[in-house]
């Protein structure tokens, strides 16, 4: 598998309402950190995740996290 495009070298903190979201795993989305279907035709697929209650989350922007879609500070090793 090829490496994803690094969208940013830091996480993004996002306030989310309850619902289902799709995190961009390829790094090419123009609506970071969420999927805009830019992965179509590639080996990448978005990561779907569910938020059960309103909260602030730290989403990975470097796309190298081991805990997608959440930041695990992998950006510190790039």
PDB file of N, CA and C in Angstrom:
ATOM      1  N   UNK A   1       0.853  -1.184   0.000  1.00  0.00           N
ATOM      2  CA  UNK A   1       0.000   0.000   0.000  1.00  0.00           C
ATOM      3  C   UNK A   1       0.891   1.236   0.000  1.00  0.00           C
ATOM      4  N   UNK A   2       0.513   2.217  -0.795  1.00  0.00           N
ATOM      5  CA  UNK A   2       1.288   3.453  -0.835  1.00  0.00           C
ATOM      6  C   UNK A   2       1.003   4.298   0.404  1.00  0.00           C
ATOM      7  N   UNK A   3       1.789   5.335   0.572  1.00  0.00           N
ATOM      8  CA  UNK A   3       1.606   6.217   1.722  1.00  0.00           C
ATOM      9  C   UNK A   3       0.585   7.295   1.390  1.00  0.00           C
ATOM     10  N   UNK A   4      -0.196   7.711   2.393  1.00  0.00           N
ATOM     11  CA  UNK A   4      -1.178   8.773   2.155  1.00  0.00           C
ATOM     12  C   UNK A   4      -0.504  10.133   2.016  1.00  0.00           C
ATOM     13  N   UNK A   5      -1.204  11.065   1.451  1.00  0.00           N
ATOM     14  CA  UNK A   5      -0.753  12.446   1.365  1.00  0.00           C
ATOM     15  C   UNK A   5      -0.922  13.096   2.733  1.00  0.00           C
ATOM     16  N   UNK A   6       0.107  13.752   3.216  1.00  0.00           N
ATOM     17  CA  UNK A   6       0.025  14.457   4.501  1.00  0.00           C
ATOM     18  C   UNK A   6      -0.741  15.755   4.275  1.00  0.00           C
ATOM     19  N   UNK A   7      -1.915  15.864   4.888  1.00  0.00           N
ATOM     20  CA  UNK A   7      -2.730  17.069   4.737  1.00  0.00           C
ATOM     21  C   UNK A   7      -2.210  18.198   5.614  1.00  0.00           C
ATOM     22  N   UNK A   8      -1.636  17.851   6.768  1.00  0.00           N
ATOM     23  CA  UNK A   8      -1.069  18.827   7.696  1.00  0.00           C
ATOM     24  C   UNK A   8      -0.189  18.061   8.669  1.00  0.00           C
ATOM     25  N   UNK A   9       0.704  18.742   9.338  1.00  0.00           N
ATOM     26  CA  UNK A   9       1.608  18.082  10.282  1.00  0.00           C
ATOM     27  C   UNK A   9       1.180  18.303  11.725  1.00  0.00           C
ATOM     28  N   UNK A  10      -0.118  18.472  11.923  1.00  0.00           N
ATOM     29  CA  UNK A  10      -0.682  18.630  13.259  1.00  0.00           C
ATOM     30  C   UNK A  10      -2.113  18.128  13.211  1.00  0.00           C
ATOM     31  N   UNK A  11      -2.698  17.845  14.346  1.00  0.00           N
ATOM     32  CA  UNK A  11      -4.099  17.421  14.374  1.00  0.00           C
ATOM     33  C   UNK A  11      -5.015  18.621  14.185  1.00  0.00           C
ATOM     34  N   UNK A  12      -6.290  18.342  13.975  1.00  0.00           N
ATOM     35  CA  UNK A  12      -7.295  19.395  13.981  1.00  0.00           C
ATOM     36  C   UNK A  12      -8.334  19.037  15.040  1.00  0.00           C
ATOM     37  N   UNK A  13      -8.697  19.997  15.856  1.00  0.00           N
ATOM     38  CA  UNK A  13      -9.728  19.794  16.876  1.00  0.00           C
ATOM     39  C   UNK A  13     -11.061  20.235  16.284  1.00  0.00           C
ATOM     40  N   UNK A  14     -12.042  19.342  16.341  1.00  0.00           N
ATOM     41  CA  UNK A  14     -13.333  19.588  15.716  1.00  0.00           C
ATOM     42  C   UNK A  14     -14.452  19.303  16.715  1.00  0.00           C
ATOM     43  N   UNK A  15     -15.406  20.207  16.796  1.00  0.00           N
ATOM     44  CA  UNK A  15     -16.599  19.982  17.618  1.00  0.00           C
ATOM     45  C   UNK A  15     -17.616  19.255  16.756  1.00  0.00           C
ATOM     46  N   UNK A  16     -17.986  18.041  17.176  1.00  0.00           N
ATOM     47  CA  UNK A  16     -18.915  17.230  16.397  1.00  0.00           C
ATOM     48  C   UNK A  16     -20.201  16.965  17.164  1.00  0.00           C
ATOM     49  N   UNK A  17     -21.284  16.960  16.440  1.00  0.00           N
ATOM     50  CA  UNK A  17     -22.592  16.585  16.968  1.00  0.00           C
ATOM     51  C   UNK A  17     -22.762  15.078  16.768  1.00  0.00           C
ATOM     52  N   UNK A  18     -23.701  14.456  17.466  1.00  0.00           N
ATOM     53  CA  UNK A  18     -23.936  13.027  17.254  1.00  0.00           C
ATOM     54  C   UNK A  18     -24.217  12.735  15.784  1.00  0.00           C
ATOM     55  N   UNK A  19     -23.630  11.670  15.290  1.00  0.00           N
ATOM     56  CA  UNK A  19     -23.840  11.292  13.902  1.00  0.00           C
ATOM     57  C   UNK A  19     -22.725  10.409  13.391  1.00  0.00           C
ATOM     58  N   UNK A  20     -22.799  10.079  12.127  1.00  0.00           N
ATOM     59  CA  UNK A  20     -21.807   9.259  11.449  1.00  0.00           C
ATOM     60  C   UNK A  20     -20.980  10.155  10.538  1.00  0.00           C
ATOM     61  N   UNK A  21     -19.677   9.986  10.600  1.00  0.00           N
ATOM     62  CA  UNK A  21     -18.744  10.813   9.833  1.00  0.00           C
ATOM     63  C   UNK A  21     -17.800   9.917   9.051  1.00  0.00           C
ATOM     64  N   UNK A  22     -17.198  10.476   8.001  1.00  0.00           N
ATOM     65  CA  UNK A  22     -16.203   9.749   7.203  1.00  0.00           C
ATOM     66  C   UNK A  22     -14.922  10.582   7.158  1.00  0.00           C
ATOM     67  N   UNK A  23     -13.890  10.050   7.798  1.00  0.00           N
ATOM     68  CA  UNK A  23     -12.582  10.696   7.875  1.00  0.00           C
ATOM     69  C   UNK A  23     -11.781  10.353   6.622  1.00  0.00           C
ATOM     70  N   UNK A  24     -11.162  11.343   6.030  1.00  0.00           N
ATOM     71  CA  UNK A  24     -10.317  11.143   4.847  1.00  0.00           C
ATOM     72  C   UNK A  24      -9.043  10.413   5.242  1.00  0.00           C
ATOM     73  N   UNK A  25      -8.805   9.253   4.644  1.00  0.00           N
ATOM     74  CA  UNK A  25      -7.594   8.483   4.915  1.00  0.00           C
ATOM     75  C   UNK A  25      -6.514   8.705   3.862  1.00  0.00           C
ATOM     76  N   UNK A  26      -6.904   9.182   2.670  1.00  0.00           N
ATOM     77  CA  UNK A  26      -5.938   9.350   1.582  1.00  0.00           C
ATOM     78  C   UNK A  26      -5.153  10.648   1.690  1.00  0.00           C
ATOM     79  N   UNK A  27      -5.755  11.660   2.325  1.00  0.00           N
ATOM     80  CA  UNK A  27      -5.099  12.956   2.464  1.00  0.00           C
ATOM     81  C   UNK A  27      -5.373  13.916   1.328  1.00  0.00           C
ATOM     82  N   UNK A  28      -6.153  13.509   0.338  1.00  0.00           N
ATOM     83  CA  UNK A  28      -6.387  14.345  -0.838  1.00  0.00           C
ATOM     84  C   UNK A  28      -7.675  15.153  -0.800  1.00  0.00           C
ATOM     85  N   UNK A  29      -8.514  14.934   0.175  1.00  0.00           N
ATOM     86  CA  UNK A  29      -9.794  15.631   0.259  1.00  0.00           C
ATOM     87  C   UNK A  29      -9.601  17.139   0.401  1.00  0.00           C
ATOM     88  N   UNK A  30     -10.468  17.886  -0.257  1.00  0.00           N
ATOM     89  CA  UNK A  30     -10.455  19.343  -0.124  1.00  0.00           C
ATOM     90  C   UNK A  30     -11.299  19.784   1.063  1.00  0.00           C
ATOM     91  N   UNK A  31     -11.937  18.834   1.742  1.00  0.00           N
ATOM     92  CA  UNK A  31     -12.772  19.141   2.906  1.00  0.00           C
ATOM     93  C   UNK A  31     -12.192  18.486   4.158  1.00  0.00           C
ATOM     94  N   UNK A  32     -10.868  18.529   4.282  1.00  0.00           N
ATOM     95  CA  UNK A  32     -10.171  17.928   5.429  1.00  0.00           C
ATOM     96  C   UNK A  32     -10.793  18.375   6.739  1.00  0.00           C
ATOM     97  N   UNK A  33     -10.893  17.489   7.702  1.00  0.00           N
ATOM     98  CA  UNK A  33     -10.401  16.118   7.730  1.00  0.00           C
ATOM     99  C   UNK A  33     -11.407  15.102   7.204  1.00  0.00           C
ATOM    100  N   UNK A  34     -12.469  15.568   6.571  1.00  0.00           N
ATOM    101  CA  UNK A  34     -13.532  14.675   6.126  1.00  0.00           C
ATOM    102  C   UNK A  34     -13.408  14.332   4.647  1.00  0.00           C
ATOM    103  N   UNK A  35     -13.964  13.197   4.294  1.00  0.00           N
ATOM    104  CA  UNK A  35     -13.878  12.674   2.931  1.00  0.00           C
ATOM    105  C   UNK A  35     -14.747  13.473   1.966  1.00  0.00           C
ATOM    106  N   UNK A  36     -14.212  13.732   0.764  1.00  0.00           N
ATOM    107  CA  UNK A  36     -14.990  14.360  -0.309  1.00  0.00           C
ATOM    108  C   UNK A  36     -14.971  13.482  -1.566  1.00  0.00           C
ATOM    109  N   UNK A  37     -14.631  12.209  -1.380  1.00  0.00           N
ATOM    110  CA  UNK A  37     -14.575  11.211  -2.462  1.00  0.00           C
ATOM    111  C   UNK A  37     -13.336  11.345  -3.349  1.00  0.00           C
ATOM    112  N   UNK A  38     -12.326  12.104  -2.934  1.00  0.00           N
ATOM    113  CA  UNK A  38     -11.092  12.239  -3.721  1.00  0.00           C
ATOM    114  C   UNK A  38     -10.341  10.921  -3.855  1.00  0.00           C
ATOM    115  N   UNK A  39     -10.656   9.958  -3.018  1.00  0.00           N
ATOM    116  CA  UNK A  39      -9.987   8.657  -3.046  1.00  0.00           C
ATOM    117  C   UNK A  39     -10.454   7.759  -4.188  1.00  0.00           C
ATOM    118  N   UNK A  40     -11.561   8.094  -4.837  1.00  0.00           N
ATOM    119  CA  UNK A  40     -12.126   7.241  -5.879  1.00  0.00           C
ATOM    120  C   UNK A  40     -11.062   6.953  -6.939  1.00  0.00           C
ATOM    121  N   UNK A  41     -10.896   5.693  -7.245  1.00  0.00           N
ATOM    122  CA  UNK A  41      -9.894   5.263  -8.216  1.00  0.00           C
ATOM    123  C   UNK A  41      -8.546   4.969  -7.599  1.00  0.00           C
ATOM    124  N   UNK A  42      -8.444   5.076  -6.269  1.00  0.00           N
ATOM    125  CA  UNK A  42      -7.195   4.767  -5.565  1.00  0.00           C
ATOM    126  C   UNK A  42      -7.416   3.561  -4.661  1.00  0.00           C
ATOM    127  N   UNK A  43      -6.396   3.158  -3.961  1.00  0.00           N
ATOM    128  CA  UNK A  43      -6.493   2.046  -3.020  1.00  0.00           C
ATOM    129  C   UNK A  43      -7.072   2.463  -1.673  1.00  0.00           C
ATOM    130  N   UNK A  44      -7.311   3.742  -1.473  1.00  0.00           N
ATOM    131  CA  UNK A  44      -7.753   4.267  -0.181  1.00  0.00           C
ATOM    132  C   UNK A  44      -9.259   4.248  -0.039  1.00  0.00           C
ATOM    133  N   UNK A  45      -9.711   4.101   1.201  1.00  0.00           N
ATOM    134  CA  UNK A  45     -11.128   4.233   1.536  1.00  0.00           C
ATOM    135  C   UNK A  45     -11.224   5.068   2.808  1.00  0.00           C
ATOM    136  N   UNK A  46     -12.281   5.841   2.949  1.00  0.00           N
ATOM    137  CA  UNK A  46     -12.430   6.652   4.157  1.00  0.00           C
ATOM    138  C   UNK A  46     -12.726   5.768   5.366  1.00  0.00           C
ATOM    139  N   UNK A  47     -12.502   6.315   6.537  1.00  0.00           N
ATOM    140  CA  UNK A  47     -12.792   5.628   7.789  1.00  0.00           C
ATOM    141  C   UNK A  47     -14.089   6.209   8.347  1.00  0.00           C
ATOM    142  N   UNK A  48     -15.094   5.360   8.439  1.00  0.00           N
ATOM    143  CA  UNK A  48     -16.369   5.804   8.997  1.00  0.00           C
ATOM    144  C   UNK A  48     -16.324   5.665  10.511  1.00  0.00           C
ATOM    145  N   UNK A  49     -16.800   6.702  11.216  1.00  0.00           N
ATOM    146  CA  UNK A  49     -16.846   6.640  12.673  1.00  0.00           C
ATOM    147  C   UNK A  49     -18.108   7.316  13.177  1.00  0.00           C
ATOM    148  N   UNK A  50     -18.544   6.874  14.344  1.00  0.00           N
ATOM    149  CA  UNK A  50     -19.794   7.344  14.923  1.00  0.00           C
ATOM    150  C   UNK A  50     -19.504   8.131  16.190  1.00  0.00           C
ATOM    151  N   UNK A  51     -20.149   9.277  16.308  1.00  0.00           N
ATOM    152  CA  UNK A  51     -20.083  10.100  17.513  1.00  0.00           C
ATOM    153  C   UNK A  51     -21.453   9.978  18.185  1.00  0.00           C
ATOM    154  N   UNK A  52     -21.454   9.512  19.427  1.00  0.00           N
ATOM    155  CA  UNK A  52     -22.721   9.266  20.117  1.00  0.00           C
ATOM    156  C   UNK A  52     -23.231  10.463  20.907  1.00  0.00           C
ATOM    157  N   UNK A  53     -22.327  11.358  21.285  1.00  0.00           N
ATOM    158  CA  UNK A  53     -22.731  12.571  21.994  1.00  0.00           C
ATOM    159  C   UNK A  53     -21.856  13.725  21.535  1.00  0.00           C
ATOM    160  N   UNK A  54     -22.362  14.927  21.584  1.00  0.00           N
ATOM    161  CA  UNK A  54     -21.604  16.096  21.138  1.00  0.00           C
ATOM    162  C   UNK A  54     -20.300  16.187  21.914  1.00  0.00           C
ATOM    163  N   UNK A  55     -19.199  16.357  21.192  1.00  0.00           N
ATOM    164  CA  UNK A  55     -17.893  16.459  21.845  1.00  0.00           C
ATOM    165  C   UNK A  55     -16.855  17.001  20.875  1.00  0.00           C
ATOM    166  N   UNK A  56     -15.739  17.435  21.441  1.00  0.00           N
ATOM    167  CA  UNK A  56     -14.590  17.889  20.658  1.00  0.00           C
ATOM    168  C   UNK A  56     -13.636  16.703  20.517  1.00  0.00           C
ATOM    169  N   UNK A  57     -13.192  16.465  19.289  1.00  0.00           N
ATOM    170  CA  UNK A  57     -12.256  15.376  19.028  1.00  0.00           C
ATOM    171  C   UNK A  57     -11.040  15.923  18.291  1.00  0.00           C
ATOM    172  N   UNK A  58      -9.921  15.253  18.457  1.00  0.00           N
ATOM    173  CA  UNK A  58      -8.691  15.600  17.743  1.00  0.00           C
ATOM    174  C   UNK A  58      -8.515  14.593  16.619  1.00  0.00           C
ATOM    175  N   UNK A  59      -8.728  15.058  15.393  1.00  0.00           N
ATOM    176  CA  UNK A  59      -8.629  14.186  14.234  1.00  0.00           C
ATOM    177  C   UNK A  59      -7.266  14.328  13.566  1.00  0.00           C
ATOM    178  N   UNK A  60      -6.738  13.209  13.134  1.00  0.00           N
ATOM    179  CA  UNK A  60      -5.430  13.157  12.496  1.00  0.00           C
ATOM    180  C   UNK A  60      -5.459  13.851  11.140  1.00  0.00           C
ATOM    181  N   UNK A  61      -4.452  14.653  10.884  1.00  0.00           N
ATOM    182  CA  UNK A  61      -4.313  15.309   9.589  1.00  0.00           C
ATOM    183  C   UNK A  61      -3.091  14.806   8.819  1.00  0.00           C
ATOM    184  N   UNK A  62      -2.153  14.152   9.522  1.00  0.00           N
ATOM    185  CA  UNK A  62      -0.971  13.638   8.825  1.00  0.00           C
ATOM    186  C   UNK A  62      -1.263  12.307   8.128  1.00  0.00           C
ATOM    187  N   UNK A  63      -2.362  11.660   8.524  1.00  0.00           N
ATOM    188  CA  UNK A  63      -2.838  10.407   7.929  1.00  0.00           C
ATOM    189  C   UNK A  63      -1.955   9.211   8.246  1.00  0.00           C
ATOM    190  N   UNK A  64      -1.092   9.328   9.238  1.00  0.00           N
ATOM    191  CA  UNK A  64      -0.218   8.229   9.635  1.00  0.00           C
ATOM    192  C   UNK A  64      -0.580   7.649  11.004  1.00  0.00           C
ATOM    193  N   UNK A  65      -1.675   8.104  11.590  1.00  0.00           N
ATOM    194  CA  UNK A  65      -2.083   7.621  12.903  1.00  0.00           C
ATOM    195  C   UNK A  65      -2.313   6.106  12.913  1.00  0.00           C
ATOM    196  N   UNK A  66      -2.057   5.488  14.030  1.00  0.00           N
ATOM    197  CA  UNK A  66      -2.345   4.067  14.217  1.00  0.00           C
ATOM    198  C   UNK A  66      -3.731   3.883  14.832  1.00  0.00           C
ATOM    199  N   UNK A  67      -4.412   4.998  15.122  1.00  0.00           N
ATOM    200  CA  UNK A  67      -5.742   4.958  15.743  1.00  0.00           C
ATOM    201  C   UNK A  67      -6.730   5.813  14.939  1.00  0.00           C
ATOM    202  N   UNK A  68      -6.876   5.538  13.632  1.00  0.00           N
ATOM    203  CA  UNK A  68      -7.732   6.376  12.805  1.00  0.00           C
ATOM    204  C   UNK A  68      -9.174   6.379  13.291  1.00  0.00           C
ATOM    205  N   UNK A  69      -9.805   7.515  13.277  1.00  0.00           N
ATOM    206  CA  UNK A  69      -9.418   8.795  12.697  1.00  0.00           C
ATOM    207  C   UNK A  69      -8.719   9.728  13.685  1.00  0.00           C
ATOM    208  N   UNK A  70      -8.481   9.218  14.892  1.00  0.00           N
ATOM    209  CA  UNK A  70      -7.996  10.077  15.972  1.00  0.00           C
ATOM    210  C   UNK A  70      -6.473  10.231  15.949  1.00  0.00           C
ATOM    211  N   UNK A  71      -6.016  11.416  16.311  1.00  0.00           N
ATOM    212  CA  UNK A  71      -4.592  11.708  16.361  1.00  0.00           C
ATOM    213  C   UNK A  71      -3.923  10.900  17.474  1.00  0.00           C
ATOM    214  N   UNK A  72      -2.794  10.281  17.140  1.00  0.00           N
ATOM    215  CA  UNK A  72      -1.971   9.604  18.149  1.00  0.00           C
ATOM    216  C   UNK A  72      -0.566  10.213  18.212  1.00  0.00           C
ATOM    217  N   UNK A  73      -0.429  11.419  17.683  1.00  0.00           N
ATOM    218  CA  UNK A  73       0.829  12.177  17.639  1.00  0.00           C
ATOM    219  C   UNK A  73       1.853  11.599  16.676  1.00  0.00           C
ATOM    220  N   UNK A  74       1.419  10.798  15.721  1.00  0.00           N
ATOM    221  CA  UNK A  74       2.341  10.285  14.701  1.00  0.00           C
ATOM    222  C   UNK A  74       2.986  11.410  13.911  1.00  0.00           C
ATOM    223  N   UNK A  75       2.335  12.571  13.853  1.00  0.00           N
ATOM    224  CA  UNK A  75       2.894  13.706  13.113  1.00  0.00           C
ATOM    225  C   UNK A  75       4.245  14.134  13.693  1.00  0.00           C
ATOM    226  N   UNK A  76       4.505  13.788  14.945  1.00  0.00           N
ATOM    227  CA  UNK A  76       5.794  14.142  15.553  1.00  0.00           C
ATOM    228  C   UNK A  76       6.962  13.323  15.007  1.00  0.00           C
ATOM    229  N   UNK A  77       6.662  12.241  14.301  1.00  0.00           N
ATOM    230  CA  UNK A  77       7.734  11.378  13.774  1.00  0.00           C
ATOM    231  C   UNK A  77       7.932  11.531  12.273  1.00  0.00           C
ATOM    232  N   UNK A  78       7.198  12.440  11.661  1.00  0.00           N
ATOM    233  CA  UNK A  78       7.327  12.613  10.189  1.00  0.00           C
ATOM    234  C   UNK A  78       8.536  13.454   9.850  1.00  0.00           C
TER     235      UNK A  78
END
